[in-house]
Amino acid sequence: MSFRVNHLYLLTIFLSTLFCLAVEAADPTYAGEVVAPSGVRTRTIQISGQPSALAQQAQQLFGLHGGYEQVSTRPDFNFAFAAVQGNGVDLTITSRGKTLWEGSFNGRTQLEALYAASDVAVTKTLGTKGFFSSKLAFVADRTGNSEIYTSDILFKAVRQLTSDRAHCLSPNLSPDGNVLLYTSFHGTGFPDIYKVDLVTGRRTVLAGFRGTNTGGTFSPDGRQIAMILSSSGNSEVYVSNGEGKQLRRLTRTDSLEADPSWSPDGRRLVFTSDQMGGPQIYTSNAQGRSMSRVRTDISRNCSEPTWNPVHPDLIAFTAAAGGEFEVAVYSFKENKSRIISRGSGDAVHPTWLNDGRHLVYTERTSRYSRLMILDTATGKRARLSPAELKDAREASPVYPKR
């Protein structure tokens, strides 16, 4: 089956912007094995807390971070968390018996305060951003239908947003976490992009043009939205303002485009196109000029690019490798790609967390799909979504400003 026929089948039947994943992964052009940078140092830590449940939650949190190893003796740092009246959490960081830092945190819930405290612990001991206060939007089949959900990083506060009883896909949160874009068959029976105000619950149609409307993605400042529309007769990249108005067509090709993602400064876009006969990665500026191929040189099938929010020289993407799909990272500075995922089945839908080091991706087999977190520095991975969510996938994380 050709790529184009396979894509049109997905586009019209499943309406997924992730068309590239439908191509068979067998016999790819694949360069190299899984590689993690050498010499990456991890910090040893010991975590305590009152009550003990708070310590257990903190231990679970830091178990997700590839920069730390929890030990029982002689740690580099001790993190002591203590619940205080209301929804507060105190944090004390010590090292070799000396107090290095103390602070107090509050949140709408005590768990929210713990996330904030833990993020500061990361900054004080690693000098990088923490990601624990992240908010996730994702797709899951818990009700028997693919619906959109939101959650915290430990999946303690899962909220079902849609009850469309229709195929929902491609959730994308605004930078402040207050607005959600997603694609659904809901309403017309055709794929439209919906916009949901998570504060008021109001839902509107952002893009309901003839053909397919998919892949709505906010720019880093939230003022623009990139999307894929086929109203011209072909899937092309468009950009609108934050309300879906003032549409501008960016691409004008005979090929199929998908998966738009913004650069950290909002000046460029990276996306997938099949101009070479198979899916590959391309960039252009936000006006649609200077379109060029990213020469990943790692697979005949590269898709789902996502731009690193901290390191603009890096993108992550999905690549066919060894009969499966894996997460890869490309460096513009080095003009080089490397496969970074391990595990059974496919690794797809990568999205960066706010620290520019960790990715959330979907691990997919014939029996399940679930959300995973991956440290690109050490290769450490851990499961995020619980089993009861049933086939959780396509995560969109944001780190709202407090």
Protein backbone atom coordinates (compact mmCIF):
# COMPACT_ATOMS: atom_id res chain seq x y z
CA MET A 1 0.00 0.00 0.00
CA SER A 2 1.49 3.36 -0.94
CA PHE A 3 2.07 6.09 1.58
CA ARG A 4 -0.45 8.43 -0.03
CA VAL A 5 -3.23 5.83 -0.16
CA ASN A 6 -2.49 4.78 3.40
CA HIS A 7 -2.58 8.37 4.59
CA LEU A 8 -5.85 9.15 2.90
CA TYR A 9 -7.34 6.07 4.48
CA LEU A 10 -6.31 7.29 7.91
CA LEU A 11 -7.36 10.83 7.15
CA THR A 12 -10.85 9.89 6.05
CA ILE A 13 -11.48 6.91 8.33
CA PHE A 14 -9.56 7.64 11.50
CA LEU A 15 -8.85 11.35 10.86
CA SER A 16 -5.54 11.31 12.64
CA THR A 17 -2.91 13.89 11.85
CA LEU A 18 -0.39 11.24 12.75
CA PHE A 19 -0.59 9.81 9.25
CA CYS A 20 3.04 8.85 9.16
CA LEU A 21 2.61 6.14 11.77
CA ALA A 22 0.37 4.17 9.42
CA VAL A 23 3.26 3.41 7.11
CA GLU A 24 4.82 0.00 7.67
CA ALA A 25 7.97 0.25 9.78
CA ALA A 26 9.64 -2.76 8.15
CA ASP A 27 12.96 -2.30 6.35
CA PRO A 28 13.54 1.35 7.25
CA THR A 29 16.69 3.30 6.59
CA TYR A 30 17.96 3.20 10.15
CA ALA A 31 21.24 4.62 11.39
CA GLY A 32 22.60 3.51 14.73
CA GLU A 33 21.48 2.06 18.03
CA VAL A 34 19.87 3.66 21.06
CA VAL A 35 22.33 6.25 22.36
CA ALA A 36 22.33 8.26 25.59
CA PRO A 37 24.98 10.91 26.28
CA SER A 38 27.81 9.69 28.46
CA GLY A 39 29.06 11.46 31.53
CA VAL A 40 25.62 12.62 32.72
CA ARG A 41 25.75 12.94 36.49
CA THR A 42 22.82 12.03 38.72
CA ARG A 43 22.39 13.39 42.25
CA THR A 44 21.72 11.02 45.12
CA ILE A 45 18.91 12.09 47.42
CA GLN A 46 17.07 10.95 50.52
CA ILE A 47 13.44 12.03 50.99
CA SER A 48 11.56 12.33 54.27
CA GLY A 49 8.23 13.87 55.12
CA GLN A 50 5.41 14.35 57.60
CA PRO A 51 2.95 12.76 57.28
CA SER A 52 4.43 9.66 55.68
CA ALA A 53 1.96 9.87 52.78
CA LEU A 54 3.55 13.19 51.79
CA ALA A 55 6.99 11.57 51.73
CA GLN A 56 5.65 8.72 49.59
CA GLN A 57 4.23 11.16 47.05
CA ALA A 58 7.53 13.05 46.96
CA GLN A 59 9.43 9.80 46.43
CA GLN A 60 7.07 8.93 43.58
CA LEU A 61 7.69 12.34 42.02
CA PHE A 62 11.48 12.19 42.13
CA GLY A 63 11.32 8.63 40.83
CA LEU A 64 10.16 10.17 37.55
CA HIS A 65 13.19 12.45 37.23
CA GLY A 66 16.25 10.98 35.56
CA GLY A 67 18.56 13.39 37.37
CA TYR A 68 18.12 11.74 40.76
CA GLU A 69 18.80 8.41 42.44
CA GLN A 70 17.15 7.79 45.79
CA VAL A 71 19.52 6.15 48.31
CA SER A 72 19.35 5.17 51.97
CA THR A 73 22.79 6.38 53.09
CA ARG A 74 25.13 9.31 52.45
CA PRO A 75 23.05 11.16 49.87
CA ASP A 76 24.18 14.34 48.15
CA PHE A 77 21.01 16.04 49.41
CA ASN A 78 18.23 15.45 51.91
CA PHE A 79 14.75 16.74 51.02
CA ALA A 80 12.47 17.08 54.05
CA PHE A 81 8.82 17.90 53.31
CA ALA A 82 6.29 18.80 56.01
CA ALA A 83 2.58 19.44 55.69
CA VAL A 84 1.39 22.65 57.35
CA GLN A 85 -2.04 23.98 58.17
CA GLY A 86 -4.33 24.40 55.19
CA ASN A 87 -2.79 23.32 51.91
CA GLY A 88 0.80 24.28 52.70
CA VAL A 89 4.06 22.36 52.43
CA ASP A 90 7.42 23.31 53.96
CA LEU A 91 10.67 22.19 52.32
CA THR A 92 14.12 21.97 53.89
CA ILE A 93 17.14 21.00 51.79
CA THR A 94 20.24 19.83 53.65
CA SER A 95 23.57 18.36 52.62
CA ARG A 96 26.04 16.65 54.95
CA GLY A 97 24.21 18.08 57.95
CA LYS A 98 24.14 21.69 56.68
CA THR A 99 20.90 23.46 55.81
CA LEU A 100 21.13 24.79 52.27
CA TRP A 101 17.63 26.16 51.74
CA GLU A 102 14.22 26.43 53.43
CA GLY A 103 10.89 27.60 52.07
CA SER A 104 7.11 27.37 52.33
CA PHE A 105 4.59 26.71 49.55
CA ASN A 106 0.83 26.89 49.20
CA GLY A 107 -1.59 25.57 46.62
CA ARG A 108 -5.26 24.87 45.99
CA THR A 109 -4.46 21.40 47.31
CA GLN A 110 -1.58 20.08 49.38
CA LEU A 111 -0.45 17.98 46.43
CA GLU A 112 -0.24 21.14 44.32
CA ALA A 113 1.95 22.71 47.01
CA LEU A 114 4.15 19.59 47.03
CA TYR A 115 4.60 19.86 43.26
CA ALA A 116 5.73 23.48 43.61
CA ALA A 117 8.11 22.62 46.46
CA SER A 118 9.60 19.73 44.50
CA ASP A 119 10.15 21.91 41.46
CA VAL A 120 12.13 24.35 43.59
CA ALA A 121 14.15 21.42 44.99
CA VAL A 122 15.13 20.54 41.41
CA THR A 123 16.16 24.11 40.65
CA LYS A 124 18.19 24.44 43.86
CA THR A 125 20.07 21.15 43.38
CA LEU A 126 20.32 20.70 39.60
CA GLY A 127 20.09 24.31 38.44
CA THR A 128 17.36 23.44 35.92
CA LYS A 129 13.58 23.79 35.77
CA GLY A 130 11.33 21.28 37.48
CA PHE A 131 8.39 19.76 35.61
CA PHE A 132 6.30 18.38 38.49
CA SER A 133 3.64 21.12 38.33
CA SER A 134 2.88 20.23 34.72
CA LYS A 135 -0.69 19.82 33.52
CA LEU A 136 -1.42 17.14 30.92
CA ALA A 137 -4.18 16.78 28.35
CA PHE A 138 -4.48 13.37 26.70
CA VAL A 139 -6.80 10.86 25.02
CA ALA A 140 -8.07 7.76 26.84
CA ASP A 141 -10.68 5.05 26.32
CA ARG A 142 -11.83 4.64 29.93
CA THR A 143 -15.53 4.96 28.99
CA GLY A 144 -15.25 2.81 25.87
CA ASN A 145 -14.90 5.91 23.67
CA SER A 146 -11.85 8.02 22.94
CA GLU A 147 -12.39 11.14 25.07
CA ILE A 148 -10.15 14.00 26.19
CA TYR A 149 -8.90 14.16 29.78
CA THR A 150 -6.63 16.40 31.85
CA SER A 151 -4.46 15.41 34.78
CA ASP A 152 -1.60 16.33 37.06
CA ILE A 153 1.76 14.56 36.63
CA LEU A 154 0.94 11.79 39.16
CA PHE A 155 -2.57 11.26 37.78
CA LYS A 156 -4.14 12.01 41.16
CA ALA A 157 -6.58 14.61 39.75
CA VAL A 158 -7.86 13.16 36.47
CA ARG A 159 -10.70 15.10 34.86
CA GLN A 160 -12.75 13.97 31.86
CA LEU A 161 -13.37 16.96 29.59
CA THR A 162 -15.41 15.51 26.75
CA SER A 163 -18.32 13.12 26.45
CA ASP A 164 -18.53 13.25 22.68
CA ARG A 165 -18.89 9.52 22.11
CA ALA A 166 -17.00 10.24 18.94
CA HIS A 167 -13.40 9.84 17.86
CA CYS A 168 -11.38 12.53 19.70
CA LEU A 169 -7.70 13.18 19.06
CA SER A 170 -4.85 15.70 19.06
CA PRO A 171 -5.41 17.60 22.34
CA ASN A 172 -3.31 20.73 22.76
CA LEU A 173 -3.27 23.01 25.80
CA SER A 174 -2.67 26.75 25.68
CA PRO A 175 0.51 27.98 27.40
CA ASP A 176 -1.47 29.12 30.47
CA GLY A 177 -3.34 25.80 30.66
CA ASN A 178 -6.76 27.47 30.49
CA VAL A 179 -7.77 26.59 26.92
CA LEU A 180 -7.79 23.29 25.07
CA LEU A 181 -7.85 22.55 21.35
CA TYR A 182 -8.77 19.11 20.06
CA THR A 183 -10.17 17.40 16.97
CA SER A 184 -13.42 15.43 17.06
CA PHE A 185 -16.16 13.94 14.88
CA HIS A 186 -18.61 15.46 17.36
CA GLY A 187 -21.46 17.53 15.97
CA THR A 188 -21.15 17.28 12.20
CA GLY A 189 -19.72 13.78 11.99
CA PHE A 190 -16.66 15.26 10.25
CA PRO A 191 -13.28 16.16 11.79
CA ASP A 192 -13.44 19.66 13.21
CA ILE A 193 -11.16 21.50 15.62
CA TYR A 194 -12.86 22.48 18.87
CA LYS A 195 -11.79 25.06 21.42
CA VAL A 196 -12.70 24.56 25.09
CA ASP A 197 -12.39 27.21 27.80
CA LEU A 198 -11.38 25.09 30.80
CA VAL A 199 -12.43 27.83 33.24
CA THR A 200 -15.99 28.35 31.99
CA GLY A 201 -16.46 25.01 30.18
CA ARG A 202 -17.60 26.80 27.02
CA ARG A 203 -16.88 24.92 23.79
CA THR A 204 -16.80 26.46 20.32
CA VAL A 205 -15.82 25.27 16.85
CA LEU A 206 -12.44 26.77 15.98
CA ALA A 207 -12.17 25.25 12.48
CA GLY A 208 -15.10 23.55 10.75
CA PHE A 209 -14.21 23.96 7.11
CA ARG A 210 -14.99 21.54 4.31
CA GLY A 211 -12.64 18.58 4.42
CA THR A 212 -10.50 17.69 7.42
CA ASN A 213 -9.54 20.08 10.21
CA THR A 214 -6.89 18.69 12.56
CA GLY A 215 -3.76 19.39 14.56
CA GLY A 216 -4.61 22.70 16.24
CA THR A 217 -1.49 23.85 18.13
CA PHE A 218 -0.94 27.03 20.15
CA SER A 219 2.16 29.17 19.64
CA PRO A 220 4.37 29.67 22.73
CA ASP A 221 2.69 33.01 23.52
CA GLY A 222 -0.81 31.66 22.86
CA ARG A 223 -1.56 34.35 20.27
CA GLN A 224 -1.43 32.13 17.19
CA ILE A 225 -2.65 28.65 16.27
CA ALA A 226 -1.14 26.36 13.63
CA MET A 227 -3.44 23.73 12.13
CA ILE A 228 -3.85 21.34 9.22
CA LEU A 229 -6.76 22.03 6.84
CA SER A 230 -7.68 20.20 3.62
CA SER A 231 -10.34 22.63 2.34
CA SER A 232 -8.06 23.44 -0.60
CA GLY A 233 -8.21 19.77 -1.62
CA ASN A 234 -4.93 18.91 0.05
CA SER A 235 -3.70 18.85 3.65
CA GLU A 236 -1.80 22.11 4.19
CA VAL A 237 -0.42 24.07 7.14
CA TYR A 238 -2.39 27.18 8.14
CA VAL A 239 -1.90 29.74 10.90
CA SER A 240 -4.63 31.82 12.58
CA ASN A 241 -4.86 34.18 15.51
CA GLY A 242 -5.79 32.77 18.93
CA GLU A 243 -9.49 32.84 18.05
CA GLY A 244 -9.12 30.89 14.81
CA LYS A 245 -9.55 34.03 12.66
CA GLN A 246 -7.28 35.76 10.12
CA LEU A 247 -6.25 32.47 8.51
CA ARG A 248 -3.01 32.39 6.55
CA ARG A 249 -2.00 29.45 4.39
CA LEU A 250 1.67 28.58 4.93
CA THR A 251 2.28 25.65 2.58
CA ARG A 252 1.32 25.24 -1.06
CA THR A 253 2.49 21.79 -2.12
CA ASP A 254 1.20 18.69 -3.85
CA SER A 255 2.17 16.66 -0.81
CA LEU A 256 0.46 16.04 2.52
CA GLU A 257 1.44 18.02 5.60
CA ALA A 258 0.73 17.26 9.27
CA ASP A 259 1.98 17.60 12.89
CA PRO A 260 2.83 21.33 13.21
CA SER A 261 4.95 22.41 16.19
CA TRP A 262 6.26 25.90 17.04
CA SER A 263 9.81 26.99 17.76
CA PRO A 264 10.34 28.46 21.27
CA ASP A 265 10.39 32.02 19.90
CA GLY A 266 7.25 31.46 17.79
CA ARG A 267 9.02 32.49 14.59
CA ARG A 268 9.25 29.09 12.92
CA LEU A 269 7.30 25.87 12.54
CA VAL A 270 8.40 22.27 12.16
CA PHE A 271 6.01 19.76 10.55
CA THR A 272 5.76 16.55 8.55
CA SER A 273 5.45 16.36 4.76
CA ASP A 274 5.60 13.51 2.25
CA GLN A 275 7.31 15.51 -0.51
CA MET A 276 10.04 12.87 -0.70
CA GLY A 277 7.51 10.07 -1.22
CA GLY A 278 7.49 9.21 2.47
CA PRO A 279 7.06 11.25 5.64
CA GLN A 280 9.98 13.50 6.54
CA ILE A 281 10.50 16.58 8.73
CA TYR A 282 10.42 20.14 7.37
CA THR A 283 10.67 23.66 8.77
CA SER A 284 9.47 27.04 7.57
CA ASN A 285 9.12 30.49 9.08
CA ALA A 286 5.73 31.53 10.46
CA GLN A 287 4.97 33.30 7.17
CA GLY A 288 5.38 30.11 5.14
CA ARG A 289 8.67 31.09 3.54
CA SER A 290 12.04 29.31 3.63
CA MET A 291 10.55 25.82 3.71
CA SER A 292 13.35 23.27 3.93
CA ARG A 293 13.81 19.63 4.83
CA VAL A 294 15.45 18.62 8.11
CA ARG A 295 17.95 15.96 7.06
CA THR A 296 17.54 13.58 9.96
CA ASP A 297 19.22 10.76 7.97
CA ILE A 298 17.88 8.13 10.35
CA SER A 299 14.77 6.63 8.73
CA ARG A 300 12.58 6.74 5.62
CA ASN A 301 9.67 7.43 7.97
CA CYS A 302 10.03 10.45 10.28
CA SER A 303 7.00 12.24 11.72
CA GLU A 304 5.44 14.02 14.74
CA PRO A 305 8.21 16.59 15.28
CA THR A 306 8.12 18.64 18.49
CA TRP A 307 10.43 21.60 19.13
CA ASN A 308 12.36 21.73 22.39
CA PRO A 309 11.10 24.69 24.49
CA VAL A 310 14.49 25.30 26.17
CA HIS A 311 17.05 24.25 23.57
CA PRO A 312 15.96 25.56 20.13
CA ASP A 313 18.62 23.49 18.40
CA LEU A 314 16.75 20.27 19.32
CA ILE A 315 13.58 18.61 18.06
CA ALA A 316 12.16 15.23 19.01
CA PHE A 317 10.23 13.11 16.52
CA THR A 318 8.98 9.62 15.77
CA ALA A 319 11.06 7.41 13.46
CA ALA A 320 10.55 3.93 12.03
CA ALA A 321 13.38 1.77 13.32
CA GLY A 322 13.89 -1.98 13.35
CA GLY A 323 10.27 -2.87 12.57
CA GLU A 324 8.88 -0.51 15.25
CA PHE A 325 8.54 3.20 15.87
CA GLU A 326 10.93 4.93 18.26
CA VAL A 327 11.48 8.43 19.64
CA ALA A 328 14.47 10.22 18.17
CA VAL A 329 16.12 13.59 18.81
CA TYR A 330 17.72 15.73 16.10
CA SER A 331 20.29 18.46 16.79
CA PHE A 332 20.39 21.36 14.31
CA LYS A 333 23.78 22.30 15.75
CA GLU A 334 25.29 18.86 15.13
CA ASN A 335 23.14 17.95 12.08
CA LYS A 336 22.72 14.56 13.71
CA SER A 337 19.89 12.32 14.99
CA ARG A 338 19.83 9.63 17.66
CA ILE A 339 17.23 7.12 18.80
CA ILE A 340 16.54 7.60 22.51
CA SER A 341 13.62 5.29 23.39
CA ARG A 342 13.73 1.73 24.64
CA GLY A 343 11.08 -0.82 25.52
CA SER A 344 8.55 -3.09 23.90
CA GLY A 345 6.26 -1.96 21.11
CA ASP A 346 6.15 1.47 19.52
CA ALA A 347 7.22 4.77 21.08
CA VAL A 348 5.18 7.55 19.45
CA HIS A 349 3.68 11.03 20.03
CA PRO A 350 6.70 12.60 21.82
CA THR A 351 6.18 15.98 23.53
CA TRP A 352 8.71 17.94 25.58
CA LEU A 353 8.21 18.90 29.18
CA ASN A 354 9.13 22.45 30.21
CA ASP A 355 12.64 21.55 31.39
CA GLY A 356 13.72 20.67 27.84
CA ARG A 357 15.20 17.43 29.16
CA HIS A 358 12.25 15.08 29.67
CA LEU A 359 9.68 13.89 27.13
CA VAL A 360 6.23 12.39 27.54
CA TYR A 361 5.42 9.82 24.86
CA THR A 362 2.98 7.02 24.11
CA GLU A 363 4.14 3.42 24.45
CA ARG A 364 1.96 1.34 22.16
CA THR A 365 1.62 -2.41 21.65
CA SER A 366 -1.14 -4.63 20.23
CA ARG A 367 -2.54 -4.93 23.79
CA TYR A 368 -2.34 -1.42 25.21
CA SER A 369 -1.15 2.14 24.91
CA ARG A 370 0.06 4.16 27.90
CA LEU A 371 1.84 7.40 28.68
CA MET A 372 5.51 7.25 29.60
CA ILE A 373 8.13 9.79 30.68
CA LEU A 374 11.64 9.66 29.24
CA ASP A 375 14.80 11.44 30.36
CA THR A 376 16.72 12.28 27.18
CA ALA A 377 19.94 12.77 29.18
CA THR A 378 20.10 9.35 30.87
CA GLY A 379 17.57 7.24 28.97
CA LYS A 380 15.59 6.59 32.17
CA ARG A 381 11.89 6.00 31.54
CA ALA A 382 8.88 5.51 33.79
CA ARG A 383 5.17 4.90 33.39
CA LEU A 384 2.81 7.82 34.00
CA SER A 385 -0.78 6.80 33.19
CA PRO A 386 -2.53 4.18 35.39
CA ALA A 387 -4.01 1.03 33.87
CA GLU A 388 -7.61 2.00 34.63
CA LEU A 389 -7.48 4.81 32.07
CA LYS A 390 -7.33 2.22 29.26
CA ASP A 391 -5.19 3.12 26.29
CA ALA A 392 -4.02 6.58 27.35
CA ARG A 393 -2.14 8.36 24.56
CA GLU A 394 -1.30 11.64 22.79
CA ALA A 395 -0.25 13.75 25.76
CA SER A 396 -0.03 17.53 25.60
CA PRO A 397 1.82 18.95 28.65
CA VAL A 398 2.06 22.56 29.76
CA TYR A 399 3.63 24.18 32.78
CA PRO A 400 1.29 27.05 33.74
CA LYS A 401 2.90 30.04 35.43
CA ARG A 402 1.97 30.33 39.11
